[in-house]
Amino acid sequence: MRLRQFRLVVAGDITEERADRLLWRAVDACVEARPDGAGWVAFDRPAPTLVDAVVSGVRDLDAAGLVPDRATGDDPLVTVETVAERVGRPAEVVRGWALPPPVGPHPRRPVFDWPAVAAWLVRHDEYLVPDDDATLEAVTLVLRVRTLAPRVDRLEPIRSLLYP
């Protein structure tokens, strides 16, 4: 199982009570609420696939009374440890690779740009980058359908379009 990192943008208010309920349930979540109450939840979730991780994150938000609006990728800035978790290799091995230069100086934990690292990994046959964008977009579309469902006359014919 690899670490899957993603964010779920929340529609409506992230109250302190709902955030507490979520954090009680999902210890891998990081809640960012703006002063207007809206915000997002970032997850660092071990899962066999990104879709498994995102669906379980949506379920956690549902259980906490939060309304997920869309799924997005996580912050593109990563450490060597995060790169190692994403590619399923030990951090010591990744430290030995000639990765692209860090984007920010840090005496103990340099920070890298994930898209640049992923491109480097592909060029060096160390990693096949999954199409996370397609997964995140599909989840976002389903979340949109969930929002529209109460206003749709009959949802079953629409569901049948998924599998022609």
N, C-alpha and C. Protein backbone atom coordinates (compact mmCIF):
# COMPACT_ATOMS: atom_id res chain seq x y z
N MET A 1 0.83 -1.18 0.00
CA MET A 1 0.00 0.00 0.00
C MET A 1 0.87 1.24 0.00
N ARG A 2 0.55 2.16 -0.88
CA ARG A 2 1.33 3.40 -0.96
C ARG A 2 0.54 4.57 -0.40
N LEU A 3 1.27 5.61 -0.06
CA LEU A 3 0.65 6.82 0.45
C LEU A 3 0.02 7.57 -0.70
N ARG A 4 -1.25 7.91 -0.56
CA ARG A 4 -1.99 8.68 -1.58
C ARG A 4 -2.30 10.03 -0.98
N GLN A 5 -1.91 11.08 -1.68
CA GLN A 5 -2.11 12.43 -1.17
C GLN A 5 -3.05 13.19 -2.10
N PHE A 6 -4.07 13.79 -1.51
CA PHE A 6 -5.07 14.50 -2.29
C PHE A 6 -5.79 15.47 -1.38
N ARG A 7 -6.61 16.31 -1.99
CA ARG A 7 -7.44 17.26 -1.24
C ARG A 7 -8.88 17.16 -1.70
N LEU A 8 -9.77 17.36 -0.75
CA LEU A 8 -11.19 17.47 -1.06
C LEU A 8 -11.62 18.87 -0.67
N VAL A 9 -12.10 19.63 -1.65
CA VAL A 9 -12.60 20.98 -1.39
C VAL A 9 -14.00 20.82 -0.84
N VAL A 10 -14.31 21.59 0.19
CA VAL A 10 -15.58 21.46 0.90
C VAL A 10 -16.51 22.59 0.50
N ALA A 11 -17.76 22.24 0.23
CA ALA A 11 -18.80 23.23 -0.05
C ALA A 11 -19.47 23.58 1.28
N GLY A 12 -19.67 24.83 1.54
CA GLY A 12 -20.30 25.23 2.78
C GLY A 12 -19.29 25.39 3.90
N ASP A 13 -19.81 25.59 5.08
CA ASP A 13 -18.98 25.89 6.24
C ASP A 13 -18.27 24.67 6.82
N ILE A 14 -17.03 24.87 7.17
CA ILE A 14 -16.29 23.88 7.95
C ILE A 14 -16.33 24.39 9.39
N THR A 15 -17.33 23.98 10.10
CA THR A 15 -17.43 24.41 11.49
C THR A 15 -16.41 23.66 12.34
N GLU A 16 -16.13 24.20 13.50
CA GLU A 16 -15.18 23.55 14.41
C GLU A 16 -15.70 22.17 14.82
N GLU A 17 -16.99 22.08 15.04
CA GLU A 17 -17.57 20.79 15.44
C GLU A 17 -17.40 19.74 14.34
N ARG A 18 -17.67 20.13 13.09
CA ARG A 18 -17.52 19.18 11.98
C ARG A 18 -16.06 18.82 11.76
N ALA A 19 -15.18 19.80 11.88
CA ALA A 19 -13.75 19.51 11.72
C ALA A 19 -13.28 18.53 12.80
N ASP A 20 -13.73 18.74 14.04
CA ASP A 20 -13.37 17.82 15.12
C ASP A 20 -13.90 16.42 14.85
N ARG A 21 -15.15 16.33 14.35
CA ARG A 21 -15.73 15.03 14.02
C ARG A 21 -14.91 14.32 12.94
N LEU A 22 -14.47 15.09 11.94
CA LEU A 22 -13.66 14.51 10.88
C LEU A 22 -12.31 14.04 11.41
N LEU A 23 -11.66 14.87 12.21
CA LEU A 23 -10.33 14.52 12.71
C LEU A 23 -10.38 13.35 13.68
N TRP A 24 -11.49 13.17 14.35
CA TRP A 24 -11.67 12.01 15.21
C TRP A 24 -11.71 10.74 14.37
N ARG A 25 -12.32 10.86 13.20
CA ARG A 25 -12.51 9.72 12.31
C ARG A 25 -11.30 9.50 11.39
N ALA A 26 -10.72 10.58 10.90
CA ALA A 26 -9.64 10.50 9.90
C ALA A 26 -8.40 11.21 10.44
N VAL A 27 -7.53 10.45 11.07
CA VAL A 27 -6.35 11.05 11.69
C VAL A 27 -5.33 11.52 10.65
N ASP A 28 -5.49 11.11 9.39
CA ASP A 28 -4.58 11.53 8.33
C ASP A 28 -5.04 12.79 7.63
N ALA A 29 -6.10 13.42 8.13
CA ALA A 29 -6.65 14.61 7.49
C ALA A 29 -6.06 15.88 8.09
N CYS A 30 -5.95 16.89 7.26
CA CYS A 30 -5.52 18.22 7.68
C CYS A 30 -6.57 19.20 7.17
N VAL A 31 -7.25 19.86 8.07
CA VAL A 31 -8.37 20.74 7.71
C VAL A 31 -7.87 22.17 7.59
N GLU A 32 -8.21 22.82 6.49
CA GLU A 32 -7.88 24.22 6.28
C GLU A 32 -9.18 24.97 6.03
N ALA A 33 -9.65 25.69 7.05
CA ALA A 33 -10.88 26.46 6.93
C ALA A 33 -10.53 27.94 6.81
N ARG A 34 -11.10 28.58 5.82
CA ARG A 34 -10.90 30.02 5.65
C ARG A 34 -11.81 30.76 6.61
N PRO A 35 -11.55 32.04 6.82
CA PRO A 35 -12.41 32.82 7.73
C PRO A 35 -13.89 32.80 7.35
N ASP A 36 -14.18 32.64 6.05
CA ASP A 36 -15.59 32.59 5.63
C ASP A 36 -16.22 31.22 5.84
N GLY A 37 -15.45 30.26 6.39
CA GLY A 37 -15.99 28.94 6.71
C GLY A 37 -15.72 27.90 5.65
N ALA A 38 -15.47 28.31 4.41
CA ALA A 38 -15.18 27.35 3.34
C ALA A 38 -13.73 26.88 3.48
N GLY A 39 -13.34 25.90 2.70
CA GLY A 39 -11.96 25.44 2.76
C GLY A 39 -11.79 24.08 2.12
N TRP A 40 -10.78 23.36 2.57
CA TRP A 40 -10.47 22.05 2.02
C TRP A 40 -9.88 21.16 3.11
N VAL A 41 -9.82 19.87 2.77
CA VAL A 41 -9.22 18.88 3.66
C VAL A 41 -8.17 18.13 2.85
N ALA A 42 -6.94 18.11 3.35
CA ALA A 42 -5.86 17.36 2.71
C ALA A 42 -5.73 16.01 3.41
N PHE A 43 -5.47 14.98 2.63
CA PHE A 43 -5.31 13.62 3.15
C PHE A 43 -3.96 13.06 2.74
N ASP A 44 -3.34 12.32 3.65
CA ASP A 44 -2.16 11.49 3.38
C ASP A 44 -2.58 10.08 3.75
N ARG A 45 -3.18 9.38 2.80
CA ARG A 45 -3.86 8.12 3.11
C ARG A 45 -3.20 6.93 2.44
N PRO A 46 -2.78 5.93 3.23
CA PRO A 46 -2.29 4.69 2.61
C PRO A 46 -3.47 3.95 1.98
N ALA A 47 -3.30 3.57 0.72
CA ALA A 47 -4.36 2.86 0.01
C ALA A 47 -3.76 2.16 -1.20
N PRO A 48 -4.42 1.11 -1.69
CA PRO A 48 -3.89 0.41 -2.86
C PRO A 48 -3.92 1.27 -4.12
N THR A 49 -4.94 2.16 -4.24
CA THR A 49 -5.04 3.04 -5.40
C THR A 49 -5.54 4.41 -4.95
N LEU A 50 -5.35 5.40 -5.80
CA LEU A 50 -5.84 6.74 -5.49
C LEU A 50 -7.36 6.75 -5.36
N VAL A 51 -8.05 6.05 -6.23
CA VAL A 51 -9.52 6.07 -6.16
C VAL A 51 -10.01 5.49 -4.84
N ASP A 52 -9.36 4.45 -4.33
CA ASP A 52 -9.75 3.90 -3.02
C ASP A 52 -9.56 4.94 -1.93
N ALA A 53 -8.43 5.65 -1.99
CA ALA A 53 -8.15 6.67 -0.98
C ALA A 53 -9.16 7.81 -1.05
N VAL A 54 -9.45 8.30 -2.26
CA VAL A 54 -10.35 9.45 -2.40
C VAL A 54 -11.77 9.07 -1.99
N VAL A 55 -12.23 7.90 -2.39
CA VAL A 55 -13.58 7.47 -2.01
C VAL A 55 -13.69 7.36 -0.49
N SER A 56 -12.67 6.82 0.16
CA SER A 56 -12.73 6.72 1.62
C SER A 56 -12.68 8.11 2.26
N GLY A 57 -11.96 9.05 1.64
CA GLY A 57 -11.95 10.42 2.14
C GLY A 57 -13.31 11.08 2.01
N VAL A 58 -13.99 10.85 0.89
CA VAL A 58 -15.35 11.37 0.69
C VAL A 58 -16.27 10.80 1.76
N ARG A 59 -16.16 9.52 2.02
CA ARG A 59 -16.99 8.88 3.06
C ARG A 59 -16.73 9.50 4.43
N ASP A 60 -15.46 9.80 4.72
CA ASP A 60 -15.12 10.43 6.00
C ASP A 60 -15.74 11.82 6.10
N LEU A 61 -15.70 12.59 5.03
CA LEU A 61 -16.34 13.92 5.05
C LEU A 61 -17.84 13.79 5.21
N ASP A 62 -18.44 12.85 4.49
CA ASP A 62 -19.89 12.61 4.63
C ASP A 62 -20.25 12.32 6.09
N ALA A 63 -19.49 11.44 6.73
CA ALA A 63 -19.78 11.04 8.11
C ALA A 63 -19.61 12.20 9.09
N ALA A 64 -18.74 13.16 8.74
CA ALA A 64 -18.51 14.31 9.61
C ALA A 64 -19.51 15.45 9.36
N GLY A 65 -20.39 15.25 8.37
CA GLY A 65 -21.36 16.30 8.05
C GLY A 65 -20.81 17.38 7.14
N LEU A 66 -19.67 17.10 6.51
CA LEU A 66 -19.09 18.04 5.56
C LEU A 66 -19.48 17.63 4.15
N VAL A 67 -19.63 18.60 3.25
CA VAL A 67 -20.06 18.32 1.88
C VAL A 67 -18.87 18.47 0.94
N PRO A 68 -18.33 17.36 0.43
CA PRO A 68 -17.22 17.47 -0.51
C PRO A 68 -17.72 18.01 -1.85
N ASP A 69 -17.00 19.00 -2.37
CA ASP A 69 -17.39 19.65 -3.62
C ASP A 69 -16.58 19.14 -4.80
N ARG A 70 -15.27 18.98 -4.59
CA ARG A 70 -14.42 18.47 -5.67
C ARG A 70 -13.13 17.88 -5.10
N ALA A 71 -12.52 17.03 -5.91
CA ALA A 71 -11.26 16.40 -5.54
C ALA A 71 -10.14 17.03 -6.35
N THR A 72 -9.02 17.31 -5.70
CA THR A 72 -7.87 17.89 -6.38
C THR A 72 -6.60 17.19 -5.91
N GLY A 73 -5.54 17.44 -6.62
CA GLY A 73 -4.25 16.92 -6.21
C GLY A 73 -3.75 17.67 -4.99
N ASP A 74 -2.81 17.08 -4.33
CA ASP A 74 -2.23 17.71 -3.14
C ASP A 74 -1.20 18.75 -3.56
N ASP A 75 -0.66 19.43 -2.61
CA ASP A 75 0.38 20.42 -2.82
C ASP A 75 1.50 19.77 -3.63
N PRO A 76 1.98 20.42 -4.68
CA PRO A 76 3.02 19.80 -5.51
C PRO A 76 4.41 19.81 -4.88
N LEU A 77 4.56 20.45 -3.71
CA LEU A 77 5.87 20.47 -3.06
C LEU A 77 6.01 19.23 -2.19
N VAL A 78 7.11 18.51 -2.39
CA VAL A 78 7.31 17.24 -1.69
C VAL A 78 8.73 17.15 -1.14
N THR A 79 8.88 16.34 -0.10
CA THR A 79 10.19 16.03 0.45
C THR A 79 10.67 14.70 -0.14
N VAL A 80 11.92 14.35 0.12
CA VAL A 80 12.45 13.06 -0.33
C VAL A 80 11.61 11.93 0.26
N GLU A 81 11.21 12.08 1.52
CA GLU A 81 10.40 11.04 2.17
C GLU A 81 9.06 10.86 1.45
N THR A 82 8.46 11.95 1.03
CA THR A 82 7.18 11.87 0.31
C THR A 82 7.38 11.22 -1.05
N VAL A 83 8.45 11.58 -1.75
CA VAL A 83 8.75 10.95 -3.04
C VAL A 83 8.90 9.45 -2.83
N ALA A 84 9.63 9.06 -1.80
CA ALA A 84 9.85 7.64 -1.52
C ALA A 84 8.52 6.92 -1.27
N GLU A 85 7.64 7.53 -0.50
CA GLU A 85 6.34 6.91 -0.23
C GLU A 85 5.51 6.79 -1.50
N ARG A 86 5.57 7.81 -2.36
CA ARG A 86 4.78 7.77 -3.59
C ARG A 86 5.26 6.72 -4.57
N VAL A 87 6.56 6.47 -4.61
CA VAL A 87 7.08 5.49 -5.57
C VAL A 87 7.32 4.13 -4.95
N GLY A 88 7.08 4.00 -3.65
CA GLY A 88 7.22 2.70 -3.00
C GLY A 88 8.66 2.24 -2.85
N ARG A 89 9.57 3.17 -2.64
CA ARG A 89 10.98 2.86 -2.44
C ARG A 89 11.42 3.43 -1.10
N PRO A 90 12.48 2.87 -0.51
CA PRO A 90 13.00 3.45 0.74
C PRO A 90 13.57 4.85 0.50
N ALA A 91 13.45 5.71 1.50
CA ALA A 91 13.96 7.08 1.39
C ALA A 91 15.47 7.08 1.13
N GLU A 92 16.18 6.11 1.70
CA GLU A 92 17.63 6.05 1.50
C GLU A 92 17.96 5.84 0.02
N VAL A 93 17.15 5.04 -0.68
CA VAL A 93 17.37 4.82 -2.12
C VAL A 93 17.10 6.11 -2.88
N VAL A 94 16.00 6.77 -2.57
CA VAL A 94 15.63 8.00 -3.27
C VAL A 94 16.67 9.10 -3.04
N ARG A 95 17.23 9.17 -1.84
CA ARG A 95 18.28 10.17 -1.56
C ARG A 95 19.49 9.99 -2.48
N GLY A 96 19.72 8.77 -2.93
CA GLY A 96 20.86 8.50 -3.81
C GLY A 96 20.61 8.85 -5.27
N TRP A 97 19.38 9.17 -5.64
CA TRP A 97 19.06 9.54 -7.01
C TRP A 97 19.45 11.00 -7.27
N ALA A 98 19.78 11.31 -8.49
CA ALA A 98 20.12 12.69 -8.89
C ALA A 98 18.84 13.41 -9.32
N LEU A 99 17.95 13.63 -8.36
CA LEU A 99 16.68 14.29 -8.64
C LEU A 99 16.91 15.72 -9.13
N PRO A 100 15.89 16.32 -9.75
CA PRO A 100 16.01 17.74 -10.09
C PRO A 100 16.31 18.54 -8.83
N PRO A 101 16.92 19.71 -8.97
CA PRO A 101 17.27 20.48 -7.78
C PRO A 101 16.05 20.87 -6.96
N PRO A 102 16.22 20.99 -5.65
CA PRO A 102 15.10 21.42 -4.80
C PRO A 102 14.63 22.82 -5.20
N VAL A 103 13.35 23.09 -4.98
CA VAL A 103 12.81 24.41 -5.30
C VAL A 103 12.94 25.38 -4.15
N GLY A 104 13.20 24.85 -2.97
CA GLY A 104 13.36 25.71 -1.81
C GLY A 104 14.47 25.21 -0.92
N PRO A 105 15.32 26.11 -0.47
CA PRO A 105 16.40 25.67 0.41
C PRO A 105 15.87 25.33 1.80
N HIS A 106 16.43 24.30 2.35
CA HIS A 106 16.09 23.91 3.71
C HIS A 106 17.27 23.10 4.22
N PRO A 107 17.76 23.41 5.39
CA PRO A 107 18.98 22.73 5.86
C PRO A 107 18.82 21.23 6.09
N ARG A 108 17.63 20.79 6.48
CA ARG A 108 17.44 19.37 6.78
C ARG A 108 16.53 18.65 5.80
N ARG A 109 15.54 19.33 5.27
CA ARG A 109 14.55 18.67 4.41
C ARG A 109 14.30 19.50 3.16
N PRO A 110 15.09 19.32 2.12
CA PRO A 110 14.85 20.07 0.89
C PRO A 110 13.47 19.74 0.32
N VAL A 111 12.91 20.72 -0.36
CA VAL A 111 11.57 20.58 -0.94
C VAL A 111 11.69 20.57 -2.46
N PHE A 112 11.02 19.60 -3.08
CA PHE A 112 11.08 19.42 -4.53
C PHE A 112 9.71 19.66 -5.15
N ASP A 113 9.70 19.96 -6.44
CA ASP A 113 8.47 20.13 -7.20
C ASP A 113 8.07 18.75 -7.74
N TRP A 114 6.92 18.23 -7.28
CA TRP A 114 6.51 16.88 -7.66
C TRP A 114 6.41 16.68 -9.17
N PRO A 115 5.78 17.60 -9.95
CA PRO A 115 5.73 17.36 -11.40
C PRO A 115 7.13 17.23 -12.03
N ALA A 116 8.10 18.01 -11.56
CA ALA A 116 9.46 17.90 -12.10
C ALA A 116 10.09 16.56 -11.68
N VAL A 117 9.87 16.15 -10.44
CA VAL A 117 10.39 14.87 -9.97
C VAL A 117 9.74 13.72 -10.73
N ALA A 118 8.42 13.78 -10.91
CA ALA A 118 7.72 12.71 -11.64
C ALA A 118 8.24 12.60 -13.07
N ALA A 119 8.46 13.73 -13.73
CA ALA A 119 9.01 13.69 -15.09
C ALA A 119 10.40 13.07 -15.10
N TRP A 120 11.23 13.41 -14.10
CA TRP A 120 12.57 12.82 -13.99
C TRP A 120 12.47 11.31 -13.79
N LEU A 121 11.56 10.89 -12.93
CA LEU A 121 11.39 9.46 -12.66
C LEU A 121 10.99 8.70 -13.91
N VAL A 122 10.11 9.28 -14.71
CA VAL A 122 9.68 8.63 -15.95
C VAL A 122 10.87 8.51 -16.91
N ARG A 123 11.64 9.58 -17.04
CA ARG A 123 12.82 9.56 -17.93
C ARG A 123 13.84 8.52 -17.51
N HIS A 124 13.91 8.24 -16.21
CA HIS A 124 14.91 7.30 -15.71
C HIS A 124 14.32 5.93 -15.39
N ASP A 125 13.13 5.66 -15.91
CA ASP A 125 12.48 4.35 -15.76
C ASP A 125 12.34 3.89 -14.32
N GLU A 126 12.19 4.82 -13.41
CA GLU A 126 12.01 4.47 -12.00
C GLU A 126 10.54 4.44 -11.60
N TYR A 127 9.69 4.99 -12.46
CA TYR A 127 8.31 5.19 -12.03
C TYR A 127 7.41 5.41 -13.24
N LEU A 128 6.24 4.83 -13.20
CA LEU A 128 5.21 5.09 -14.19
C LEU A 128 4.17 5.96 -13.52
N VAL A 129 4.07 7.20 -13.94
CA VAL A 129 3.17 8.15 -13.28
C VAL A 129 1.72 7.80 -13.63
N PRO A 130 0.90 7.51 -12.61
CA PRO A 130 -0.50 7.21 -12.88
C PRO A 130 -1.24 8.47 -13.31
N ASP A 131 -2.35 8.30 -13.98
CA ASP A 131 -3.15 9.43 -14.43
C ASP A 131 -4.09 9.87 -13.30
N ASP A 132 -3.51 10.52 -12.30
CA ASP A 132 -4.29 10.97 -11.16
C ASP A 132 -5.34 11.99 -11.56
N ASP A 133 -5.04 12.81 -12.56
CA ASP A 133 -6.00 13.84 -12.97
C ASP A 133 -7.33 13.23 -13.41
N ALA A 134 -7.28 12.11 -14.14
CA ALA A 134 -8.52 11.47 -14.59
C ALA A 134 -9.32 10.96 -13.40
N THR A 135 -8.65 10.37 -12.42
CA THR A 135 -9.34 9.88 -11.22
C THR A 135 -9.98 11.03 -10.46
N LEU A 136 -9.23 12.09 -10.24
CA LEU A 136 -9.75 13.24 -9.49
C LEU A 136 -10.90 13.91 -10.22
N GLU A 137 -10.82 13.99 -11.54
CA GLU A 137 -11.91 14.58 -12.32
C GLU A 137 -13.16 13.71 -12.25
N ALA A 138 -12.99 12.38 -12.34
CA ALA A 138 -14.15 11.48 -12.26
C ALA A 138 -14.84 11.61 -10.91
N VAL A 139 -14.07 11.65 -9.82
CA VAL A 139 -14.66 11.82 -8.49
C VAL A 139 -15.40 13.16 -8.42
N THR A 140 -14.78 14.21 -8.95
CA THR A 140 -15.42 15.53 -8.93
C THR A 140 -16.74 15.51 -9.69
N LEU A 141 -16.78 14.84 -10.83
CA LEU A 141 -18.03 14.75 -11.60
C LEU A 141 -19.11 14.01 -10.82
N VAL A 142 -18.73 12.94 -10.14
CA VAL A 142 -19.71 12.21 -9.33
C VAL A 142 -20.22 13.08 -8.18
N LEU A 143 -19.32 13.84 -7.56
CA LEU A 143 -19.75 14.73 -6.48
C LEU A 143 -20.73 15.78 -7.01
N ARG A 144 -20.51 16.25 -8.22
CA ARG A 144 -21.44 17.21 -8.85
C ARG A 144 -22.80 16.56 -9.09
N VAL A 145 -22.81 15.32 -9.57
CA VAL A 145 -24.07 14.60 -9.78
C VAL A 145 -24.79 14.42 -8.44
N ARG A 146 -24.06 14.10 -7.38
CA ARG A 146 -24.68 13.98 -6.05
C ARG A 146 -25.39 15.26 -5.65
N THR A 147 -24.77 16.39 -5.96
CA THR A 147 -25.37 17.69 -5.63
C THR A 147 -26.64 17.94 -6.45
N LEU A 148 -26.62 17.52 -7.70
CA LEU A 148 -27.77 17.75 -8.59
C LEU A 148 -28.88 16.72 -8.41
N ALA A 149 -28.57 15.56 -7.89
CA ALA A 149 -29.52 14.44 -7.81
C ALA A 149 -30.88 14.81 -7.22
N PRO A 150 -30.95 15.57 -6.13
CA PRO A 150 -32.27 15.90 -5.59
C PRO A 150 -33.15 16.71 -6.54
N ARG A 151 -32.54 17.38 -7.51
CA ARG A 151 -33.30 18.21 -8.44
C ARG A 151 -33.60 17.51 -9.76
N VAL A 152 -33.10 16.27 -9.91
CA VAL A 152 -33.30 15.52 -11.15
C VAL A 152 -34.55 14.66 -11.02
N ASP A 153 -35.37 14.68 -12.08
CA ASP A 153 -36.63 13.95 -12.05
C ASP A 153 -36.42 12.45 -11.84
N ARG A 154 -35.59 11.82 -12.64
CA ARG A 154 -35.30 10.39 -12.52
C ARG A 154 -33.82 10.17 -12.73
N LEU A 155 -33.14 9.72 -11.72
CA LEU A 155 -31.70 9.56 -11.79
C LEU A 155 -31.28 8.23 -12.42
N GLU A 156 -32.12 7.23 -12.33
CA GLU A 156 -31.74 5.90 -12.83
C GLU A 156 -31.37 5.91 -14.32
N PRO A 157 -32.13 6.56 -15.20
CA PRO A 157 -31.70 6.58 -16.61
C PRO A 157 -30.34 7.25 -16.79
N ILE A 158 -30.06 8.23 -15.96
CA ILE A 158 -28.75 8.90 -16.04
C ILE A 158 -27.65 7.94 -15.59
N ARG A 159 -27.90 7.19 -14.52
CA ARG A 159 -26.92 6.18 -14.07
C ARG A 159 -26.61 5.18 -15.17
N SER A 160 -27.63 4.83 -15.95
CA SER A 160 -27.41 3.83 -17.02
C SER A 160 -26.45 4.33 -18.08
N LEU A 161 -26.22 5.63 -18.15
CA LEU A 161 -25.28 6.16 -19.13
C LEU A 161 -23.84 5.82 -18.79
N LEU A 162 -23.57 5.50 -17.54
CA LEU A 162 -22.21 5.15 -17.15
C LEU A 162 -21.72 3.89 -17.86
N TYR A 163 -22.62 2.96 -18.08
CA TYR A 163 -22.26 1.70 -18.71
C TYR A 163 -23.18 1.43 -19.88
N PRO A 164 -22.85 1.99 -21.05
CA PRO A 164 -23.73 1.83 -22.24
C PRO A 164 -23.78 0.40 -22.74
